[in-house]
């Protein structure tokens, strides 16, 4: 009787493990899909409505380079305190 109980419990443990892994794959896929469409989709729709372009995709044949100039000038020490 004890051997049958051990086999039953080990089979139950194996079944619960497989069930948990399967459910976690399904739930994670659903949640990540919803988050993606809400986050990326709404950002895309809102940016198109406002007219915001995150990348400058226009080709200008008059430009030699598309590098943007950075403003890396030194600031006074007080401006670096409490930045946030």
PDB file of N, CA and C in Angstrom:
ATOM      1  N   UNK A   1       0.814  -1.199   0.000  1.00  0.00           N
ATOM      2  CA  UNK A   1       0.000   0.000   0.000  1.00  0.00           C
ATOM      3  C   UNK A   1       0.855   1.259   0.000  1.00  0.00           C
ATOM      4  N   UNK A   2       1.977   1.257   0.699  1.00  0.00           N
ATOM      5  CA  UNK A   2       2.846   2.418   0.786  1.00  0.00           C
ATOM      6  C   UNK A   2       3.503   2.741  -0.552  1.00  0.00           C
ATOM      7  N   UNK A   3       3.820   1.715  -1.342  1.00  0.00           N
ATOM      8  CA  UNK A   3       4.461   1.922  -2.635  1.00  0.00           C
ATOM      9  C   UNK A   3       3.492   2.598  -3.610  1.00  0.00           C
ATOM     10  N   UNK A   4       2.220   2.190  -3.561  1.00  0.00           N
ATOM     11  CA  UNK A   4       1.217   2.784  -4.440  1.00  0.00           C
ATOM     12  C   UNK A   4       0.989   4.257  -4.092  1.00  0.00           C
ATOM     13  N   UNK A   5       1.011   4.557  -2.802  1.00  0.00           N
ATOM     14  CA  UNK A   5       0.824   5.938  -2.357  1.00  0.00           C
ATOM     15  C   UNK A   5       1.996   6.813  -2.812  1.00  0.00           C
ATOM     16  N   UNK A   6       3.223   6.294  -2.717  1.00  0.00           N
ATOM     17  CA  UNK A   6       4.396   7.055  -3.184  1.00  0.00           C
ATOM     18  C   UNK A   6       4.311   7.310  -4.681  1.00  0.00           C
ATOM     19  N   UNK A   7       3.911   6.313  -5.455  1.00  0.00           N
ATOM     20  CA  UNK A   7       3.788   6.480  -6.906  1.00  0.00           C
ATOM     21  C   UNK A   7       2.689   7.485  -7.235  1.00  0.00           C
ATOM     22  N   UNK A   8       1.582   7.408  -6.482  1.00  0.00           N
ATOM     23  CA  UNK A   8       0.488   8.353  -6.710  1.00  0.00           C
ATOM     24  C   UNK A   8       0.927   9.788  -6.410  1.00  0.00           C
ATOM     25  N   UNK A   9       1.612   9.976  -5.279  1.00  0.00           N
ATOM     26  CA  UNK A   9       2.053  11.315  -4.895  1.00  0.00           C
ATOM     27  C   UNK A   9       3.121  11.860  -5.844  1.00  0.00           C
ATOM     28  N   UNK A  10       4.026  10.997  -6.304  1.00  0.00           N
ATOM     29  CA  UNK A  10       5.034  11.470  -7.255  1.00  0.00           C
ATOM     30  C   UNK A  10       4.384  11.803  -8.601  1.00  0.00           C
ATOM     31  N   UNK A  11       3.396  11.030  -9.011  1.00  0.00           N
ATOM     32  CA  UNK A  11       2.658  11.337 -10.238  1.00  0.00           C
ATOM     33  C   UNK A  11       1.860  12.622 -10.091  1.00  0.00           C
ATOM     34  N   UNK A  12       1.276  12.833  -8.913  1.00  0.00           N
ATOM     35  CA  UNK A  12       0.532  14.069  -8.645  1.00  0.00           C
ATOM     36  C   UNK A  12       1.463  15.278  -8.674  1.00  0.00           C
ATOM     37  N   UNK A  13       2.635  15.127  -8.085  1.00  0.00           N
ATOM     38  CA  UNK A  13       3.629  16.210  -8.082  1.00  0.00           C
ATOM     39  C   UNK A  13       4.061  16.531  -9.516  1.00  0.00           C
ATOM     40  N   UNK A  14       4.327  15.501 -10.316  1.00  0.00           N
ATOM     41  CA  UNK A  14       4.734  15.698 -11.702  1.00  0.00           C
ATOM     42  C   UNK A  14       3.611  16.373 -12.507  1.00  0.00           C
ATOM     43  N   UNK A  15       2.381  15.946 -12.289  1.00  0.00           N
ATOM     44  CA  UNK A  15       1.243  16.533 -12.994  1.00  0.00           C
ATOM     45  C   UNK A  15       1.025  17.989 -12.617  1.00  0.00           C
ATOM     46  N   UNK A  16       1.143  18.303 -11.325  1.00  0.00           N
ATOM     47  CA  UNK A  16       0.984  19.685 -10.887  1.00  0.00           C
ATOM     48  C   UNK A  16       2.093  20.571 -11.445  1.00  0.00           C
ATOM     49  N   UNK A  17       3.299  20.041 -11.533  1.00  0.00           N
ATOM     50  CA  UNK A  17       4.412  20.809 -12.089  1.00  0.00           C
ATOM     51  C   UNK A  17       4.151  21.125 -13.562  1.00  0.00           C
ATOM     52  N   UNK A  18       3.749  20.132 -14.326  1.00  0.00           N
ATOM     53  CA  UNK A  18       3.448  20.358 -15.737  1.00  0.00           C
ATOM     54  C   UNK A  18       2.279  21.318 -15.912  1.00  0.00           C
ATOM     55  N   UNK A  19       1.254  21.177 -15.094  1.00  0.00           N
ATOM     56  CA  UNK A  19       0.099  22.065 -15.165  1.00  0.00           C
ATOM     57  C   UNK A  19       0.508  23.506 -14.854  1.00  0.00           C
ATOM     58  N   UNK A  20       1.323  23.689 -13.813  1.00  0.00           N
ATOM     59  CA  UNK A  20       1.786  25.026 -13.445  1.00  0.00           C
ATOM     60  C   UNK A  20       2.630  25.667 -14.528  1.00  0.00           C
ATOM     61  N   UNK A  21       3.513  24.899 -15.154  1.00  0.00           N
ATOM     62  CA  UNK A  21       4.340  25.436 -16.234  1.00  0.00           C
ATOM     63  C   UNK A  21       3.482  25.827 -17.439  1.00  0.00           C
ATOM     64  N   UNK A  22       2.500  25.000 -17.775  1.00  0.00           N
ATOM     65  CA  UNK A  22       1.624  25.295 -18.913  1.00  0.00           C
ATOM     66  C   UNK A  22       0.788  26.539 -18.649  1.00  0.00           C
ATOM     67  N   UNK A  23       0.217  26.629 -17.469  1.00  0.00           N
ATOM     68  CA  UNK A  23      -0.598  27.801 -17.123  1.00  0.00           C
ATOM     69  C   UNK A  23       0.267  29.056 -17.108  1.00  0.00           C
ATOM     70  N   UNK A  24       1.498  28.957 -16.601  1.00  0.00           N
ATOM     71  CA  UNK A  24       2.358  30.153 -16.557  1.00  0.00           C
ATOM     72  C   UNK A  24       2.718  30.618 -17.964  1.00  0.00           C
ATOM     73  N   UNK A  25       2.931  29.703 -18.894  1.00  0.00           N
ATOM     74  CA  UNK A  25       3.220  30.087 -20.278  1.00  0.00           C
ATOM     75  C   UNK A  25       2.022  30.807 -20.881  1.00  0.00           C
ATOM     76  N   UNK A  26       0.834  30.276 -20.657  1.00  0.00           N
ATOM     77  CA  UNK A  26      -0.386  30.884 -21.216  1.00  0.00           C
ATOM     78  C   UNK A  26      -0.627  32.262 -20.611  1.00  0.00           C
ATOM     79  N   UNK A  27      -0.568  32.376 -19.295  1.00  0.00           N
ATOM     80  CA  UNK A  27      -0.832  33.642 -18.620  1.00  0.00           C
ATOM     81  C   UNK A  27       0.220  34.686 -18.989  1.00  0.00           C
ATOM     82  N   UNK A  28       1.494  34.311 -19.005  1.00  0.00           N
ATOM     83  CA  UNK A  28       2.548  35.261 -19.360  1.00  0.00           C
ATOM     84  C   UNK A  28       2.388  35.753 -20.786  1.00  0.00           C
ATOM     85  N   UNK A  29       2.034  34.853 -21.695  1.00  0.00           N
ATOM     86  CA  UNK A  29       1.833  35.253 -23.085  1.00  0.00           C
ATOM     87  C   UNK A  29       0.670  36.225 -23.197  1.00  0.00           C
ATOM     88  N   UNK A  30      -0.426  35.938 -22.534  1.00  0.00           N
ATOM     89  CA  UNK A  30      -1.583  36.831 -22.581  1.00  0.00           C
ATOM     90  C   UNK A  30      -1.274  38.191 -21.954  1.00  0.00           C
ATOM     91  N   UNK A  31      -0.651  38.184 -20.785  1.00  0.00           N
ATOM     92  CA  UNK A  31      -0.345  39.447 -20.112  1.00  0.00           C
ATOM     93  C   UNK A  31       0.643  40.288 -20.909  1.00  0.00           C
ATOM     94  N   UNK A  32       1.691  39.666 -21.429  1.00  0.00           N
ATOM     95  CA  UNK A  32       2.670  40.421 -22.203  1.00  0.00           C
ATOM     96  C   UNK A  32       2.077  40.948 -23.504  1.00  0.00           C
ATOM     97  N   UNK A  33       1.158  40.204 -24.105  1.00  0.00           N
ATOM     98  CA  UNK A  33       0.488  40.677 -25.316  1.00  0.00           C
ATOM     99  C   UNK A  33      -0.363  41.894 -25.010  1.00  0.00           C
ATOM    100  N   UNK A  34      -1.105  41.847 -23.928  1.00  0.00           N
ATOM    101  CA  UNK A  34      -1.947  42.982 -23.542  1.00  0.00           C
ATOM    102  C   UNK A  34      -1.089  44.198 -23.226  1.00  0.00           C
ATOM    103  N   UNK A  35      -0.025  43.999 -22.456  1.00  0.00           N
ATOM    104  CA  UNK A  35       0.858  45.109 -22.098  1.00  0.00           C
ATOM    105  C   UNK A  35       1.509  45.699 -23.347  1.00  0.00           C
ATOM    106  N   UNK A  36       1.901  44.851 -24.291  1.00  0.00           N
ATOM    107  CA  UNK A  36       2.530  45.343 -25.517  1.00  0.00           C
ATOM    108  C   UNK A  36       1.555  46.198 -26.313  1.00  0.00           C
ATOM    109  N   UNK A  37       0.348  45.687 -26.523  1.00  0.00           N
ATOM    110  CA  UNK A  37      -0.608  46.441 -27.327  1.00  0.00           C
ATOM    111  C   UNK A  37      -1.066  47.711 -26.625  1.00  0.00           C
ATOM    112  N   UNK A  38      -1.213  47.672 -25.314  1.00  0.00           N
ATOM    113  CA  UNK A  38      -1.588  48.890 -24.599  1.00  0.00           C
ATOM    114  C   UNK A  38      -0.435  49.882 -24.560  1.00  0.00           C
ATOM    115  N   UNK A  39       0.763  49.411 -24.264  1.00  0.00           N
ATOM    116  CA  UNK A  39       1.906  50.309 -24.147  1.00  0.00           C
ATOM    117  C   UNK A  39       2.400  50.821 -25.482  1.00  0.00           C
ATOM    118  N   UNK A  40       2.802  49.922 -26.344  1.00  0.00           N
ATOM    119  CA  UNK A  40       3.370  50.316 -27.629  1.00  0.00           C
ATOM    120  C   UNK A  40       2.284  50.814 -28.569  1.00  0.00           C
ATOM    121  N   UNK A  41       1.144  50.143 -28.581  1.00  0.00           N
ATOM    122  CA  UNK A  41       0.066  50.535 -29.488  1.00  0.00           C
ATOM    123  C   UNK A  41      -0.493  51.909 -29.176  1.00  0.00           C
ATOM    124  N   UNK A  42      -0.788  52.166 -27.910  1.00  0.00           N
ATOM    125  CA  UNK A  42      -1.319  53.474 -27.545  1.00  0.00           C
ATOM    126  C   UNK A  42      -0.282  54.574 -27.740  1.00  0.00           C
ATOM    127  N   UNK A  43       0.985  54.275 -27.468  1.00  0.00           N
ATOM    128  CA  UNK A  43       2.037  55.260 -27.713  1.00  0.00           C
ATOM    129  C   UNK A  43       2.123  55.592 -29.194  1.00  0.00           C
ATOM    130  N   UNK A  44       2.022  54.580 -30.032  1.00  0.00           N
ATOM    131  CA  UNK A  44       2.093  54.792 -31.475  1.00  0.00           C
ATOM    132  C   UNK A  44       0.906  55.608 -31.974  1.00  0.00           C
ATOM    133  N   UNK A  45      -0.287  55.252 -31.528  1.00  0.00           N
ATOM    134  CA  UNK A  45      -1.487  55.979 -31.963  1.00  0.00           C
ATOM    135  C   UNK A  45      -1.429  57.423 -31.486  1.00  0.00           C
ATOM    136  N   UNK A  46      -1.063  57.634 -30.226  1.00  0.00           N
ATOM    137  CA  UNK A  46      -0.999  58.985 -29.681  1.00  0.00           C
ATOM    138  C   UNK A  46       0.057  59.821 -30.399  1.00  0.00           C
ATOM    139  N   UNK A  47       1.219  59.221 -30.672  1.00  0.00           N
ATOM    140  CA  UNK A  47       2.275  59.977 -31.347  1.00  0.00           C
ATOM    141  C   UNK A  47       1.890  60.317 -32.781  1.00  0.00           C
ATOM    142  N   UNK A  48       1.140  59.454 -33.437  1.00  0.00           N
ATOM    143  CA  UNK A  48       0.690  59.760 -34.792  1.00  0.00           C
ATOM    144  C   UNK A  48      -0.370  60.856 -34.780  1.00  0.00           C
ATOM    145  N   UNK A  49      -1.220  60.862 -33.774  1.00  0.00           N
ATOM    146  CA  UNK A  49      -2.232  61.916 -33.668  1.00  0.00           C
ATOM    147  C   UNK A  49      -1.589  63.278 -33.405  1.00  0.00           C
ATOM    148  N   UNK A  50      -0.562  63.294 -32.573  1.00  0.00           N
ATOM    149  CA  UNK A  50       0.109  64.537 -32.220  1.00  0.00           C
ATOM    150  C   UNK A  50       1.088  64.960 -33.316  1.00  0.00           C
ATOM    151  N   UNK A  51       1.565  63.990 -34.099  1.00  0.00           N
ATOM    152  CA  UNK A  51       2.514  64.301 -35.152  1.00  0.00           C
ATOM    153  C   UNK A  51       3.964  64.162 -34.727  1.00  0.00           C
ATOM    154  N   UNK A  52       4.202  63.464 -33.637  1.00  0.00           N
ATOM    155  CA  UNK A  52       5.557  63.274 -33.115  1.00  0.00           C
ATOM    156  C   UNK A  52       6.264  62.193 -33.931  1.00  0.00           C
ATOM    157  N   UNK A  53       7.496  62.465 -34.316  1.00  0.00           N
ATOM    158  CA  UNK A  53       8.336  61.498 -35.012  1.00  0.00           C
ATOM    159  C   UNK A  53       9.549  61.218 -34.128  1.00  0.00           C
ATOM    160  N   UNK A  54       9.720  59.962 -33.749  1.00  0.00           N
ATOM    161  CA  UNK A  54      10.823  59.598 -32.863  1.00  0.00           C
ATOM    162  C   UNK A  54      12.142  59.448 -33.623  1.00  0.00           C
ATOM    163  N   UNK A  55      12.071  59.131 -34.902  1.00  0.00           N
ATOM    164  CA  UNK A  55      13.264  59.026 -35.728  1.00  0.00           C
ATOM    165  C   UNK A  55      13.098  59.924 -36.941  1.00  0.00           C
ATOM    166  N   UNK A  56      14.157  60.644 -37.272  1.00  0.00           N
ATOM    167  CA  UNK A  56      14.118  61.484 -38.456  1.00  0.00           C
ATOM    168  C   UNK A  56      14.482  60.616 -39.654  1.00  0.00           C
ATOM    169  N   UNK A  57      13.483  60.241 -40.455  1.00  0.00           N
ATOM    170  CA  UNK A  57      13.689  59.308 -41.549  1.00  0.00           C
ATOM    171  C   UNK A  57      13.814  59.992 -42.909  1.00  0.00           C
ATOM    172  N   UNK A  58      13.751  61.317 -42.936  1.00  0.00           N
ATOM    173  CA  UNK A  58      13.848  62.032 -44.202  1.00  0.00           C
ATOM    174  C   UNK A  58      15.296  62.060 -44.674  1.00  0.00           C
ATOM    175  N   UNK A  59      15.484  61.842 -45.957  1.00  0.00           N
ATOM    176  CA  UNK A  59      16.817  61.873 -46.536  1.00  0.00           C
ATOM    177  C   UNK A  59      17.037  63.238 -47.168  1.00  0.00           C
ATOM    178  N   UNK A  60      18.096  63.897 -46.743  1.00  0.00           N
ATOM    179  CA  UNK A  60      18.450  65.202 -47.282  1.00  0.00           C
ATOM    180  C   UNK A  60      19.780  65.068 -48.013  1.00  0.00           C
ATOM    181  N   UNK A  61      19.744  65.188 -49.310  1.00  0.00           N
ATOM    182  CA  UNK A  61      20.957  64.993 -50.113  1.00  0.00           C
ATOM    183  C   UNK A  61      21.957  66.132 -49.941  1.00  0.00           C
ATOM    184  N   UNK A  62      21.529  67.250 -49.385  1.00  0.00           N
ATOM    185  CA  UNK A  62      22.427  68.386 -49.175  1.00  0.00           C
ATOM    186  C   UNK A  62      23.308  68.210 -47.944  1.00  0.00           C
ATOM    187  N   UNK A  63      22.892  67.358 -47.002  1.00  0.00           N
ATOM    188  CA  UNK A  63      23.663  67.157 -45.775  1.00  0.00           C
ATOM    189  C   UNK A  63      24.851  66.236 -46.027  1.00  0.00           C
ATOM    190  N   UNK A  64      25.964  66.552 -45.384  1.00  0.00           N
ATOM    191  CA  UNK A  64      27.136  65.678 -45.454  1.00  0.00           C
ATOM    192  C   UNK A  64      27.049  64.547 -44.443  1.00  0.00           C
ATOM    193  N   UNK A  65      26.393  64.822 -43.309  1.00  0.00           N
ATOM    194  CA  UNK A  65      26.325  63.844 -42.235  1.00  0.00           C
ATOM    195  C   UNK A  65      25.016  64.022 -41.478  1.00  0.00           C
ATOM    196  N   UNK A  66      24.557  62.966 -40.860  1.00  0.00           N
ATOM    197  CA  UNK A  66      23.335  63.021 -40.065  1.00  0.00           C
ATOM    198  C   UNK A  66      23.626  63.024 -38.563  1.00  0.00           C
ATOM    199  N   UNK A  67      24.860  63.218 -38.189  1.00  0.00           N
ATOM    200  CA  UNK A  67      25.216  63.296 -36.781  1.00  0.00           C
ATOM    201  C   UNK A  67      24.617  64.568 -36.185  1.00  0.00           C
ATOM    202  N   UNK A  68      24.100  64.457 -34.974  1.00  0.00           N
ATOM    203  CA  UNK A  68      23.542  65.603 -34.262  1.00  0.00           C
ATOM    204  C   UNK A  68      24.591  66.173 -33.323  1.00  0.00           C
ATOM    205  N   UNK A  69      24.666  67.475 -33.249  1.00  0.00           N
ATOM    206  CA  UNK A  69      25.604  68.133 -32.339  1.00  0.00           C
ATOM    207  C   UNK A  69      25.079  68.047 -30.910  1.00  0.00           C
ATOM    208  N   UNK A  70      25.965  67.709 -29.978  1.00  0.00           N
ATOM    209  CA  UNK A  70      25.612  67.644 -28.568  1.00  0.00           C
ATOM    210  C   UNK A  70      26.115  68.883 -27.856  1.00  0.00           C
ATOM    211  N   UNK A  71      25.334  69.340 -26.885  1.00  0.00           N
ATOM    212  CA  UNK A  71      25.740  70.480 -26.079  1.00  0.00           C
ATOM    213  C   UNK A  71      26.414  69.938 -24.814  1.00  0.00           C
ATOM    214  N   UNK A  72      27.715  69.800 -24.861  1.00  0.00           N
ATOM    215  CA  UNK A  72      28.459  69.221 -23.734  1.00  0.00           C
ATOM    216  C   UNK A  72      29.315  70.256 -23.025  1.00  0.00           C
ATOM    217  N   UNK A  73      28.789  71.438 -22.874  1.00  0.00           N
ATOM    218  CA  UNK A  73      29.554  72.486 -22.209  1.00  0.00           C
ATOM    219  C   UNK A  73      29.582  72.242 -20.699  1.00  0.00           C
ATOM    220  N   UNK A  74      30.616  72.757 -20.083  1.00  0.00           N
ATOM    221  CA  UNK A  74      30.757  72.619 -18.630  1.00  0.00           C
ATOM    222  C   UNK A  74      29.758  73.527 -17.932  1.00  0.00           C
ATOM    223  N   UNK A  75      29.173  73.003 -16.853  1.00  0.00           N
ATOM    224  CA  UNK A  75      28.240  73.783 -16.047  1.00  0.00           C
ATOM    225  C   UNK A  75      28.897  74.109 -14.712  1.00  0.00           C
ATOM    226  N   UNK A  76      28.303  75.030 -14.016  1.00  0.00           N
ATOM    227  CA  UNK A  76      28.794  75.334 -12.674  1.00  0.00           C
ATOM    228  C   UNK A  76      28.445  74.192 -11.737  1.00  0.00           C
ATOM    229  N   UNK A  77      29.237  74.034 -10.685  1.00  0.00           N
ATOM    230  CA  UNK A  77      29.075  72.911  -9.766  1.00  0.00           C
ATOM    231  C   UNK A  77      27.689  72.904  -9.109  1.00  0.00           C
ATOM    232  N   UNK A  78      27.102  74.060  -8.832  1.00  0.00           N
ATOM    233  CA  UNK A  78      25.799  74.133  -8.176  1.00  0.00           C
ATOM    234  C   UNK A  78      24.688  73.540  -9.034  1.00  0.00           C
ATOM    235  N   UNK A  79      24.854  73.578 -10.342  1.00  0.00           N
ATOM    236  CA  UNK A  79      23.826  73.025 -11.226  1.00  0.00           C
ATOM    237  C   UNK A  79      23.793  71.507 -11.188  1.00  0.00           C
ATOM    238  N   UNK A  80      24.869  70.870 -10.751  1.00  0.00           N
ATOM    239  CA  UNK A  80      24.906  69.418 -10.673  1.00  0.00           C
ATOM    240  C   UNK A  80      24.263  68.871  -9.388  1.00  0.00           C
ATOM    241  N   UNK A  81      24.122  69.711  -8.378  1.00  0.00           N
ATOM    242  CA  UNK A  81      23.482  69.278  -7.135  1.00  0.00           C
ATOM    243  C   UNK A  81      21.979  69.214  -7.331  1.00  0.00           C
ATOM    244  N   UNK A  82      21.341  68.266  -6.730  1.00  0.00           N
ATOM    245  CA  UNK A  82      19.880  68.105  -6.710  1.00  0.00           C
ATOM    246  C   UNK A  82      19.305  68.173  -8.135  1.00  0.00           C
ATOM    247  N   UNK A  83      19.784  67.303  -8.971  1.00  0.00           N
ATOM    248  CA  UNK A  83      19.351  67.294 -10.366  1.00  0.00           C
ATOM    249  C   UNK A  83      17.930  66.743 -10.524  1.00  0.00           C
ATOM    250  N   UNK A  84      17.497  65.928  -9.594  1.00  0.00           N
ATOM    251  CA  UNK A  84      16.208  65.255  -9.773  1.00  0.00           C
ATOM    252  C   UNK A  84      15.178  65.778  -8.808  1.00  0.00           C
TER     253      UNK A  84
END
